[in-house]
Amino acid sequence: MFSLNQKISVRQLQVLSILHVFGAGIIMLPRQAAAYGGQDAWIIVLLAACAALIFTYLMATVGRKFPADSFVSMTARLLSAPVGKCLAVLLALKLILSCGLALRLFSDILRQTMMRNTPCFVVCAAMGAVGAYTAAKGYETRARMAQILFPLILLPVLIVFCLAAFEADFSNLKPVFSTPPRDMFMGVFRSSAAFNGLELILLIHPYARRPDGVRKGLMQAMIFSGVLMALITGITIARLGAIDVTRQLWPVLEMMGLIDLPGSFIDRQDALVMSFWILSTFAVVNCELFFSALLFKDTVGKGKHAYYIIACLAAILVISFLPLSAERVNQIQTWLYSTLDVGFMAVLPILLLAAAKIRKIGGA
């Protein structure tokens, strides 16, 4: 056991990565993929997972070369100090905006499904406060908590989805590969937004007990997440049909509500998905709070981490209180992915690897 050393194992990192990838993405992902691919939506999700796997490899390779460097120090060594600080501030602002939007979407779905009379600001403030508290306690604290809760929540969710598969009509997935190439490409690009947050791979190596095992561990976690998301998408379409999925705002929750469990010992099966999703949202809020504050602290070069967490939390709550519809939030998240996320996940790692090769610095 390792306590209060701010170092986490590869297994803990895998759990955190899976939780972060899921978030609110899985609830809306089938609708987004089906809008372009119809019954081929599950194939689109698999291809999007392959793209995320490539991004993961690139970013983990960069971190492997500079395992002890923070994002600011690494980019300063390779691209100059001013460029490194500008990139750090831009990434921190992106994390704050992304976290605020995720929190907004979380409060909307929670109020529509479980807490109809609870004001939005109460839900956002409660989740933000818990996320800020654990972020101030350090990276290891959230890793330990996620490792304990993950199997307790994931196992019932998997059992319910297996039961849903028995009631599904898999003829709704035929014919296969009938989507035009252009629509397939656009569907993969749009669905890849469900894997946002992967740019944090550039920041996590200093917190890993075994930095050399991070790349393999993260790729395994990404494969697991991608296959599971494709299965959930396929089961949802097989259960509801591609047309109905595109008409539902939260198709996964709708599908879960139609399942009849043996003995009816659980009245609402969608509550199981919501419980896993609440933990995933907590992981997103906590992680993006922790790293956005860390980026600002490393850029400024002084001050306590907790003070920056409070400032970032205030900005996140302001964004989460904005009167944005779920569709508008999804549009902004897609724009963030197609611009800043792709830049940090694909363009920046290639630039950093090229700079490391030219300057002949960095580990193996």
Foldseek 3Di string as FASTA:
>chain_A
DDPPPLADALVLVLLLLLLQLQAVLLQQLLLLQLVLVFLQSLVLLLVLLVVVLVLLLLLLVLCQQVLQDAQQVLCCVQPNNVVSLVLLLVVLVLLLLLLLLSLLLLLVVCCVPPNVPDDSLVSSVVLLVVLLVQLLVHDVSLSVVSVVCVVVLVVLLVVLLVLLLVQFALVLSPPYPPGDPVSSVVSNLLSNLSRFPSLCSNGCSNRYPDSVCNSVSNSVSSVVSSNVSSSLSNSLCRHQNSVVSNVDNRSSLVSQQPGDDVPPPDVRRSVSVSVSNSSSSSSSSNVSLNSSLVSVCVSVVDDDSSVSSVVSSVSSSVSSPDPDDNVRSSVVSSVCCVPVVCCSSPVVSVSSVVSCVVVVGTDD
